[in-house]
Amino acid sequence: MNDRLNGLLKLFKKDPNDSFLIYGIALEYKSRKKYAEAEDYFKILLGKDSNYVPAYMQYALLKEEMNDISKAKDIYSEGINIARINGDTHAAKEMEEFLDELN
């Protein structure tokens, strides 16, 4: 583990409800191709903060990297709905484009 990931994990122990921090940990694991760990943190994040729109796209991209296309489609669809509810049309359109590529 590098210093950045160690630092994020230490901060997480102090504040396990910080959505941005959890997102950062998930991305750090994803960038290291530690997919199971990344998925765990995406699940933690979306369980605590289902309106954290960027997590849906990154989680779906992770599932694509894991070759779980069906699950990636489900996550994109859910993310599109959440983005629309939150008025984030840019994120919704971006995820729609990724979803269209999988169909």
C-alpha atoms as a PDB file:
ATOM      1  CA  MET A   1       0.000   0.000   0.000  1.00  0.00           C
ATOM      2  CA  ASN A   2       1.224   3.463  -0.711  1.00  0.00           C
ATOM      3  CA  ASP A   3       1.169   6.462   1.595  1.00  0.00           C
ATOM      4  CA  ARG A   4      -1.953   7.960  -0.006  1.00  0.00           C
ATOM      5  CA  LEU A   5      -4.049   4.857   0.515  1.00  0.00           C
ATOM      6  CA  ASN A   6      -2.702   4.400   4.050  1.00  0.00           C
ATOM      7  CA  GLY A   7      -3.563   7.992   4.838  1.00  0.00           C
ATOM      8  CA  LEU A   8      -7.078   7.628   3.461  1.00  0.00           C
ATOM      9  CA  LEU A   9      -7.658   4.450   5.443  1.00  0.00           C
ATOM     10  CA  LYS A  10      -6.477   6.147   8.654  1.00  0.00           C
ATOM     11  CA  LEU A  11      -8.851   9.047   8.010  1.00  0.00           C
ATOM     12  CA  PHE A  12     -11.659   6.581   7.321  1.00  0.00           C
ATOM     13  CA  LYS A  13     -11.147   5.029  10.754  1.00  0.00           C
ATOM     14  CA  LYS A  14     -11.637   8.485  12.274  1.00  0.00           C
ATOM     15  CA  ASP A  15     -14.594   9.446  10.076  1.00  0.00           C
ATOM     16  CA  PRO A  16     -16.290   6.457   8.413  1.00  0.00           C
ATOM     17  CA  ASN A  17     -19.181   8.632   7.191  1.00  0.00           C
ATOM     18  CA  ASP A  18     -17.201  10.965   4.913  1.00  0.00           C
ATOM     19  CA  SER A  19     -18.528  10.171   1.430  1.00  0.00           C
ATOM     20  CA  PHE A  20     -15.684  11.909  -0.402  1.00  0.00           C
ATOM     21  CA  LEU A  21     -13.140   9.975   1.643  1.00  0.00           C
ATOM     22  CA  ILE A  22     -14.835   6.631   0.982  1.00  0.00           C
ATOM     23  CA  TYR A  23     -14.995   7.481  -2.725  1.00  0.00           C
ATOM     24  CA  GLY A  24     -11.264   8.255  -2.701  1.00  0.00           C
ATOM     25  CA  ILE A  25     -10.463   4.909  -1.079  1.00  0.00           C
ATOM     26  CA  ALA A  26     -12.564   3.066  -3.664  1.00  0.00           C
ATOM     27  CA  LEU A  27     -10.766   4.867  -6.493  1.00  0.00           C
ATOM     28  CA  GLU A  28      -7.354   4.141  -4.979  1.00  0.00           C
ATOM     29  CA  TYR A  29      -8.136   0.434  -4.832  1.00  0.00           C
ATOM     30  CA  LYS A  30      -9.614   0.528  -8.345  1.00  0.00           C
ATOM     31  CA  SER A  31      -6.469   2.160  -9.747  1.00  0.00           C
ATOM     32  CA  ARG A  32      -4.423  -0.666  -8.216  1.00  0.00           C
ATOM     33  CA  LYS A  33      -6.734  -3.269  -9.736  1.00  0.00           C
ATOM     34  CA  LYS A  34      -7.735  -4.449  -6.269  1.00  0.00           C
ATOM     35  CA  TYR A  35     -11.268  -4.906  -7.488  1.00  0.00           C
ATOM     36  CA  ALA A  36     -12.787  -6.687  -4.493  1.00  0.00           C
ATOM     37  CA  GLU A  37     -11.587  -3.956  -2.128  1.00  0.00           C
ATOM     38  CA  ALA A  38     -12.745  -1.205  -4.483  1.00  0.00           C
ATOM     39  CA  GLU A  39     -16.159  -2.819  -4.775  1.00  0.00           C
ATOM     40  CA  ASP A  40     -16.422  -3.086  -0.994  1.00  0.00           C
ATOM     41  CA  TYR A  41     -15.875   0.649  -0.623  1.00  0.00           C
ATOM     42  CA  PHE A  42     -18.272   1.550  -3.445  1.00  0.00           C
ATOM     43  CA  LYS A  43     -20.894  -0.552  -1.661  1.00  0.00           C
ATOM     44  CA  ILE A  44     -20.138   1.136   1.661  1.00  0.00           C
ATOM     45  CA  LEU A  45     -20.397   4.546   0.026  1.00  0.00           C
ATOM     46  CA  LEU A  46     -23.662   3.918  -1.786  1.00  0.00           C
ATOM     47  CA  GLY A  47     -25.106   2.272   1.314  1.00  0.00           C
ATOM     48  CA  LYS A  48     -24.399   5.421   3.311  1.00  0.00           C
ATOM     49  CA  ASP A  49     -24.984   8.023   0.594  1.00  0.00           C
ATOM     50  CA  SER A  50     -27.117   6.763  -2.284  1.00  0.00           C
ATOM     51  CA  ASN A  51     -27.059  10.251  -3.859  1.00  0.00           C
ATOM     52  CA  TYR A  52     -23.288  10.263  -4.425  1.00  0.00           C
ATOM     53  CA  VAL A  53     -23.621  10.350  -8.216  1.00  0.00           C
ATOM     54  CA  PRO A  54     -19.945   9.978  -9.264  1.00  0.00           C
ATOM     55  CA  ALA A  55     -19.752   6.665  -7.416  1.00  0.00           C
ATOM     56  CA  TYR A  56     -22.267   5.078  -9.768  1.00  0.00           C
ATOM     57  CA  MET A  57     -20.197   5.771 -12.863  1.00  0.00           C
ATOM     58  CA  GLN A  58     -16.938   4.649 -11.291  1.00  0.00           C
ATOM     59  CA  TYR A  59     -18.542   1.557  -9.777  1.00  0.00           C
ATOM     60  CA  ALA A  60     -20.059   0.643 -13.152  1.00  0.00           C
ATOM     61  CA  LEU A  61     -16.682   1.153 -14.839  1.00  0.00           C
ATOM     62  CA  LEU A  62     -15.162  -1.130 -12.208  1.00  0.00           C
ATOM     63  CA  LYS A  63     -17.741  -3.817 -13.009  1.00  0.00           C
ATOM     64  CA  GLU A  64     -16.880  -3.417 -16.702  1.00  0.00           C
ATOM     65  CA  GLU A  65     -13.199  -3.972 -15.874  1.00  0.00           C
ATOM     66  CA  MET A  66     -14.279  -7.077 -13.948  1.00  0.00           C
ATOM     67  CA  ASN A  67     -16.214  -8.182 -17.066  1.00  0.00           C
ATOM     68  CA  ASP A  68     -19.519  -8.142 -15.177  1.00  0.00           C
ATOM     69  CA  ILE A  69     -21.390  -6.278 -17.900  1.00  0.00           C
ATOM     70  CA  SER A  70     -24.854  -7.106 -16.611  1.00  0.00           C
ATOM     71  CA  LYS A  71     -24.092  -5.590 -13.212  1.00  0.00           C
ATOM     72  CA  ALA A  72     -22.418  -2.587 -14.853  1.00  0.00           C
ATOM     73  CA  LYS A  73     -25.618  -1.926 -16.815  1.00  0.00           C
ATOM     74  CA  ASP A  74     -27.679  -2.123 -13.626  1.00  0.00           C
ATOM     75  CA  ILE A  75     -25.386   0.328 -11.846  1.00  0.00           C
ATOM     76  CA  TYR A  76     -25.414   2.762 -14.785  1.00  0.00           C
ATOM     77  CA  SER A  77     -29.219   2.626 -14.872  1.00  0.00           C
ATOM     78  CA  GLU A  78     -29.476   3.280 -11.155  1.00  0.00           C
ATOM     79  CA  GLY A  79     -26.927   6.093 -11.413  1.00  0.00           C
ATOM     80  CA  ILE A  80     -28.825   7.714 -14.275  1.00  0.00           C
ATOM     81  CA  ASN A  81     -32.005   7.736 -12.197  1.00  0.00           C
ATOM     82  CA  ILE A  82     -30.244   9.173  -9.138  1.00  0.00           C
ATOM     83  CA  ALA A  83     -28.496  11.816 -11.268  1.00  0.00           C
ATOM     84  CA  ARG A  84     -31.813  12.891 -12.785  1.00  0.00           C
ATOM     85  CA  ILE A  85     -33.482  13.063  -9.368  1.00  0.00           C
ATOM     86  CA  ASN A  86     -30.622  15.276  -8.180  1.00  0.00           C
ATOM     87  CA  GLY A  87     -30.734  17.472 -11.293  1.00  0.00           C
ATOM     88  CA  ASP A  88     -27.307  16.361 -12.504  1.00  0.00           C
ATOM     89  CA  THR A  89     -28.123  16.149 -16.202  1.00  0.00           C
ATOM     90  CA  HIS A  90     -24.469  16.125 -17.237  1.00  0.00           C
ATOM     91  CA  ALA A  91     -23.726  12.990 -15.207  1.00  0.00           C
ATOM     92  CA  ALA A  92     -26.961  11.367 -16.381  1.00  0.00           C
ATOM     93  CA  LYS A  93     -26.066  11.951 -20.036  1.00  0.00           C
ATOM     94  CA  GLU A  94     -22.525  10.709 -19.533  1.00  0.00           C
ATOM     95  CA  MET A  95     -23.726   7.482 -17.927  1.00  0.00           C
ATOM     96  CA  GLU A  96     -26.363   7.074 -20.664  1.00  0.00           C
ATOM     97  CA  GLU A  97     -23.573   7.180 -23.246  1.00  0.00           C
ATOM     98  CA  PHE A  98     -21.586   4.519 -21.382  1.00  0.00           C
ATOM     99  CA  LEU A  99     -24.724   2.393 -21.022  1.00  0.00           C
ATOM    100  CA  ASP A 100     -25.535   2.751 -24.728  1.00  0.00           C
ATOM    101  CA  GLU A 101     -22.062   1.459 -25.565  1.00  0.00           C
ATOM    102  CA  LEU A 102     -22.771  -1.700 -23.569  1.00  0.00           C
ATOM    103  CA  ASN A 103     -26.125  -2.363 -25.283  1.00  0.00           C
END
